[in-house]
Structures are given as C-alpha cells and as structure tokens.
Amino acid sequence: MNDFETKVLLPSWIWEKAENKEHFKELVLDYMQRYPNYDVKKVKGKYAICERRD
C-alpha cells in the first residue's frame, strides 16, 4: 500500500461558516468525508494537505 500526499481545494463556505478554530476543523473533516481514502494532515492556504491511500 502506497501513501501519496495530495492537495484538496477547500470551498470558501468553510471559512465563512466557521465560528472558531475548532468549528473550522470540524467543517473541514465533514467536507473531507467526500474523499474516503484521504487523511487530512494539515490545512495550508485554501487546501487540505492529505495523504491518499491506494
């Protein structure tokens, strides 16, 4: 099994709806449910930096 680092562009509504840092993390993780093989490592700019599992 290989892991690959990849970027996922996050929608702007995440920043608009986030009430605080914890809520932001929750919204990102909820959004990333659309990508079942991706594990979020960090957020950089407008992107979630993820590891993708084969």
PDB file of N, CA and C in Angstrom:
ATOM      1  N   MET A   1       0.848  -1.178   0.000  1.00  0.00           N
ATOM      2  CA  MET A   1       0.000   0.000   0.000  1.00  0.00           C
ATOM      3  C   MET A   1       0.889   1.235   0.000  1.00  0.00           C
ATOM      4  N   ASN A   2       0.666   2.130  -0.948  1.00  0.00           N
ATOM      5  CA  ASN A   2       1.432   3.371  -1.056  1.00  0.00           C
ATOM      6  C   ASN A   2       0.608   4.547  -0.576  1.00  0.00           C
ATOM      7  N   ASP A   3       1.290   5.490   0.084  1.00  0.00           N
ATOM      8  CA  ASP A   3       0.646   6.735   0.500  1.00  0.00           C
ATOM      9  C   ASP A   3       1.152   7.853  -0.397  1.00  0.00           C
ATOM     10  N   PHE A   4       0.266   8.739  -0.790  1.00  0.00           N
ATOM     11  CA  PHE A   4       0.620   9.863  -1.643  1.00  0.00           C
ATOM     12  C   PHE A   4       0.103  11.147  -1.010  1.00  0.00           C
ATOM     13  N   GLU A   5       0.956  12.172  -0.965  1.00  0.00           N
ATOM     14  CA  GLU A   5       0.491  13.467  -0.483  1.00  0.00           C
ATOM     15  C   GLU A   5      -0.218  14.172  -1.619  1.00  0.00           C
ATOM     16  N   THR A   6      -1.370  14.711  -1.326  1.00  0.00           N
ATOM     17  CA  THR A   6      -2.155  15.403  -2.339  1.00  0.00           C
ATOM     18  C   THR A   6      -2.871  16.589  -1.704  1.00  0.00           C
ATOM     19  N   LYS A   7      -3.270  17.536  -2.536  1.00  0.00           N
ATOM     20  CA  LYS A   7      -3.986  18.725  -2.072  1.00  0.00           C
ATOM     21  C   LYS A   7      -5.429  18.645  -2.534  1.00  0.00           C
ATOM     22  N   VAL A   8      -6.337  19.049  -1.641  1.00  0.00           N
ATOM     23  CA  VAL A   8      -7.757  19.139  -1.975  1.00  0.00           C
ATOM     24  C   VAL A   8      -8.172  20.585  -1.736  1.00  0.00           C
ATOM     25  N   LEU A   9      -8.674  21.234  -2.780  1.00  0.00           N
ATOM     26  CA  LEU A   9      -9.150  22.607  -2.659  1.00  0.00           C
ATOM     27  C   LEU A   9     -10.394  22.630  -1.789  1.00  0.00           C
ATOM     28  N   LEU A  10     -10.352  23.446  -0.743  1.00  0.00           N
ATOM     29  CA  LEU A  10     -11.499  23.550   0.159  1.00  0.00           C
ATOM     30  C   LEU A  10     -12.420  24.671  -0.300  1.00  0.00           C
ATOM     31  N   PRO A  11     -13.733  24.472  -0.186  1.00  0.00           N
ATOM     32  CA  PRO A  11     -14.679  25.515  -0.603  1.00  0.00           C
ATOM     33  C   PRO A  11     -14.650  26.713   0.355  1.00  0.00           C
ATOM     34  N   SER A  12     -14.930  27.888  -0.185  1.00  0.00           N
ATOM     35  CA  SER A  12     -14.871  29.117   0.615  1.00  0.00           C
ATOM     36  C   SER A  12     -15.906  29.141   1.732  1.00  0.00           C
ATOM     37  N   TRP A  13     -17.007  28.400   1.595  1.00  0.00           N
ATOM     38  CA  TRP A  13     -18.035  28.430   2.640  1.00  0.00           C
ATOM     39  C   TRP A  13     -17.514  27.911   3.970  1.00  0.00           C
ATOM     40  N   ILE A  14     -16.467  27.114   3.950  1.00  0.00           N
ATOM     41  CA  ILE A  14     -15.910  26.602   5.213  1.00  0.00           C
ATOM     42  C   ILE A  14     -15.417  27.766   6.070  1.00  0.00           C
ATOM     43  N   TRP A  15     -14.702  28.701   5.463  1.00  0.00           N
ATOM     44  CA  TRP A  15     -14.200  29.862   6.216  1.00  0.00           C
ATOM     45  C   TRP A  15     -15.355  30.792   6.611  1.00  0.00           C
ATOM     46  N   GLU A  16     -16.334  30.905   5.736  1.00  0.00           N
ATOM     47  CA  GLU A  16     -17.466  31.789   6.014  1.00  0.00           C
ATOM     48  C   GLU A  16     -18.315  31.282   7.183  1.00  0.00           C
ATOM     49  N   LYS A  17     -18.474  29.967   7.293  1.00  0.00           N
ATOM     50  CA  LYS A  17     -19.320  29.380   8.332  1.00  0.00           C
ATOM     51  C   LYS A  17     -18.595  29.147   9.648  1.00  0.00           C
ATOM     52  N   ALA A  18     -17.281  28.986   9.593  1.00  0.00           N
ATOM     53  CA  ALA A  18     -16.520  28.626  10.794  1.00  0.00           C
ATOM     54  C   ALA A  18     -16.629  29.719  11.855  1.00  0.00           C
ATOM     55  N   GLU A  19     -17.032  29.311  13.050  1.00  0.00           N
ATOM     56  CA  GLU A  19     -17.188  30.242  14.159  1.00  0.00           C
ATOM     57  C   GLU A  19     -15.899  30.407  14.952  1.00  0.00           C
ATOM     58  N   ASN A  20     -15.055  29.361  14.931  1.00  0.00           N
ATOM     59  CA  ASN A  20     -13.771  29.380  15.625  1.00  0.00           C
ATOM     60  C   ASN A  20     -12.893  28.274  15.048  1.00  0.00           C
ATOM     61  N   LYS A  21     -11.711  28.132  15.604  1.00  0.00           N
ATOM     62  CA  LYS A  21     -10.755  27.156  15.066  1.00  0.00           C
ATOM     63  C   LYS A  21     -11.278  25.717  15.150  1.00  0.00           C
ATOM     64  N   GLU A  22     -11.900  25.376  16.261  1.00  0.00           N
ATOM     65  CA  GLU A  22     -12.433  24.017  16.411  1.00  0.00           C
ATOM     66  C   GLU A  22     -13.565  23.749  15.423  1.00  0.00           C
ATOM     67  N   HIS A  23     -14.445  24.726  15.236  1.00  0.00           N
ATOM     68  CA  HIS A  23     -15.538  24.575  14.280  1.00  0.00           C
ATOM     69  C   HIS A  23     -14.977  24.446  12.868  1.00  0.00           C
ATOM     70  N   PHE A  24     -13.929  25.201  12.564  1.00  0.00           N
ATOM     71  CA  PHE A  24     -13.268  25.114  11.257  1.00  0.00           C
ATOM     72  C   PHE A  24     -12.769  23.692  11.010  1.00  0.00           C
ATOM     73  N   LYS A  25     -12.087  23.115  11.995  1.00  0.00           N
ATOM     74  CA  LYS A  25     -11.576  21.738  11.860  1.00  0.00           C
ATOM     75  C   LYS A  25     -12.721  20.764  11.607  1.00  0.00           C
ATOM     76  N   GLU A  26     -13.812  20.953  12.349  1.00  0.00           N
ATOM     77  CA  GLU A  26     -14.984  20.087  12.197  1.00  0.00           C
ATOM     78  C   GLU A  26     -15.564  20.189  10.782  1.00  0.00           C
ATOM     79  N   LEU A  27     -15.678  21.412  10.259  1.00  0.00           N
ATOM     80  CA  LEU A  27     -16.210  21.603   8.907  1.00  0.00           C
ATOM     81  C   LEU A  27     -15.300  20.977   7.852  1.00  0.00           C
ATOM     82  N   VAL A  28     -13.995  21.124   8.035  1.00  0.00           N
ATOM     83  CA  VAL A  28     -13.047  20.516   7.088  1.00  0.00           C
ATOM     84  C   VAL A  28     -13.193  19.005   7.099  1.00  0.00           C
ATOM     85  N   LEU A  29     -13.231  18.410   8.283  1.00  0.00           N
ATOM     86  CA  LEU A  29     -13.351  16.949   8.368  1.00  0.00           C
ATOM     87  C   LEU A  29     -14.682  16.460   7.814  1.00  0.00           C
ATOM     88  N   ASP A  30     -15.752  17.201   8.056  1.00  0.00           N
ATOM     89  CA  ASP A  30     -17.054  16.835   7.478  1.00  0.00           C
ATOM     90  C   ASP A  30     -16.998  16.892   5.955  1.00  0.00           C
ATOM     91  N   TYR A  31     -16.405  17.951   5.408  1.00  0.00           N
ATOM     92  CA  TYR A  31     -16.291  18.087   3.956  1.00  0.00           C
ATOM     93  C   TYR A  31     -15.449  16.950   3.367  1.00  0.00           C
ATOM     94  N   MET A  32     -14.395  16.586   4.069  1.00  0.00           N
ATOM     95  CA  MET A  32     -13.477  15.564   3.553  1.00  0.00           C
ATOM     96  C   MET A  32     -14.074  14.158   3.578  1.00  0.00           C
ATOM     97  N   GLN A  33     -15.271  13.995   4.155  1.00  0.00           N
ATOM     98  CA  GLN A  33     -15.956  12.700   4.081  1.00  0.00           C
ATOM     99  C   GLN A  33     -16.231  12.320   2.626  1.00  0.00           C
ATOM    100  N   ARG A  34     -16.226  13.301   1.739  1.00  0.00           N
ATOM    101  CA  ARG A  34     -16.426  13.055   0.300  1.00  0.00           C
ATOM    102  C   ARG A  34     -15.238  12.335  -0.327  1.00  0.00           C
ATOM    103  N   TYR A  35     -14.127  12.316   0.396  1.00  0.00           N
ATOM    104  CA  TYR A  35     -12.884  11.707  -0.090  1.00  0.00           C
ATOM    105  C   TYR A  35     -12.475  10.611   0.902  1.00  0.00           C
ATOM    106  N   PRO A  36     -13.099   9.433   0.795  1.00  0.00           N
ATOM    107  CA  PRO A  36     -12.918   8.402   1.822  1.00  0.00           C
ATOM    108  C   PRO A  36     -11.494   7.874   1.980  1.00  0.00           C
ATOM    109  N   ASN A  37     -10.662   7.951   0.967  1.00  0.00           N
ATOM    110  CA  ASN A  37      -9.295   7.436   1.075  1.00  0.00           C
ATOM    111  C   ASN A  37      -8.276   8.517   1.400  1.00  0.00           C
ATOM    112  N   TYR A  38      -8.749   9.688   1.824  1.00  0.00           N
ATOM    113  CA  TYR A  38      -7.853  10.806   2.108  1.00  0.00           C
ATOM    114  C   TYR A  38      -7.845  11.092   3.610  1.00  0.00           C
ATOM    115  N   ASP A  39      -6.637  11.206   4.174  1.00  0.00           N
ATOM    116  CA  ASP A  39      -6.467  11.589   5.575  1.00  0.00           C
ATOM    117  C   ASP A  39      -5.883  12.997   5.611  1.00  0.00           C
ATOM    118  N   VAL A  40      -6.578  13.917   6.258  1.00  0.00           N
ATOM    119  CA  VAL A  40      -6.121  15.304   6.336  1.00  0.00           C
ATOM    120  C   VAL A  40      -4.951  15.388   7.314  1.00  0.00           C
ATOM    121  N   LYS A  41      -3.849  15.970   6.854  1.00  0.00           N
ATOM    122  CA  LYS A  41      -2.679  16.172   7.712  1.00  0.00           C
ATOM    123  C   LYS A  41      -2.606  17.607   8.208  1.00  0.00           C
ATOM    124  N   LYS A  42      -2.970  18.559   7.340  1.00  0.00           N
ATOM    125  CA  LYS A  42      -2.967  19.970   7.726  1.00  0.00           C
ATOM    126  C   LYS A  42      -3.711  20.764   6.673  1.00  0.00           C
ATOM    127  N   VAL A  43      -3.986  22.014   6.990  1.00  0.00           N
ATOM    128  CA  VAL A  43      -4.585  22.936   6.030  1.00  0.00           C
ATOM    129  C   VAL A  43      -3.557  24.017   5.763  1.00  0.00           C
ATOM    130  N   LYS A  44      -3.301  24.265   4.480  1.00  0.00           N
ATOM    131  CA  LYS A  44      -2.332  25.283   4.085  1.00  0.00           C
ATOM    132  C   LYS A  44      -2.982  26.139   3.007  1.00  0.00           C
ATOM    133  N   GLY A  45      -3.213  27.407   3.333  1.00  0.00           N
ATOM    134  CA  GLY A  45      -3.898  28.282   2.392  1.00  0.00           C
ATOM    135  C   GLY A  45      -5.319  27.794   2.181  1.00  0.00           C
ATOM    136  N   LYS A  46      -5.685  27.604   0.933  1.00  0.00           N
ATOM    137  CA  LYS A  46      -7.041  27.153   0.586  1.00  0.00           C
ATOM    138  C   LYS A  46      -7.136  25.641   0.428  1.00  0.00           C
ATOM    139  N   TYR A  47      -6.075  24.926   0.781  1.00  0.00           N
ATOM    140  CA  TYR A  47      -6.008  23.497   0.519  1.00  0.00           C
ATOM    141  C   TYR A  47      -5.883  22.652   1.784  1.00  0.00           C
ATOM    142  N   ALA A  48      -6.507  21.492   1.745  1.00  0.00           N
ATOM    143  CA  ALA A  48      -6.258  20.473   2.756  1.00  0.00           C
ATOM    144  C   ALA A  48      -5.125  19.607   2.209  1.00  0.00           C
ATOM    145  N   ILE A  49      -4.063  19.496   2.958  1.00  0.00           N
ATOM    146  CA  ILE A  49      -2.947  18.640   2.570  1.00  0.00           C
ATOM    147  C   ILE A  49      -3.242  17.260   3.162  1.00  0.00           C
ATOM    148  N   CYS A  50      -3.344  16.281   2.279  1.00  0.00           N
ATOM    149  CA  CYS A  50      -3.815  14.958   2.677  1.00  0.00           C
ATOM    150  C   CYS A  50      -2.851  13.867   2.233  1.00  0.00           C
ATOM    151  N   GLU A  51      -2.964  12.735   2.898  1.00  0.00           N
ATOM    152  CA  GLU A  51      -2.338  11.511   2.407  1.00  0.00           C
ATOM    153  C   GLU A  51      -3.434  10.656   1.804  1.00  0.00           C
ATOM    154  N   ARG A  52      -3.200  10.232   0.574  1.00  0.00           N
ATOM    155  CA  ARG A  52      -4.177   9.388  -0.116  1.00  0.00           C
ATOM    156  C   ARG A  52      -3.692   7.951  -0.058  1.00  0.00           C
ATOM    157  N   ARG A  53      -4.567   7.080   0.359  1.00  0.00           N
ATOM    158  CA  ARG A  53      -4.237   5.649   0.420  1.00  0.00           C
ATOM    159  C   ARG A  53      -4.775   4.958  -0.830  1.00  0.00           C
ATOM    160  N   ASP A  54      -3.979   4.060  -1.352  1.00  0.00           N
ATOM    161  CA  ASP A  54      -4.422   3.253  -2.505  1.00  0.00           C
ATOM    162  C   ASP A  54      -5.402   2.199  -2.079  1.00  0.00           C
TER     163      ASP A  54
END
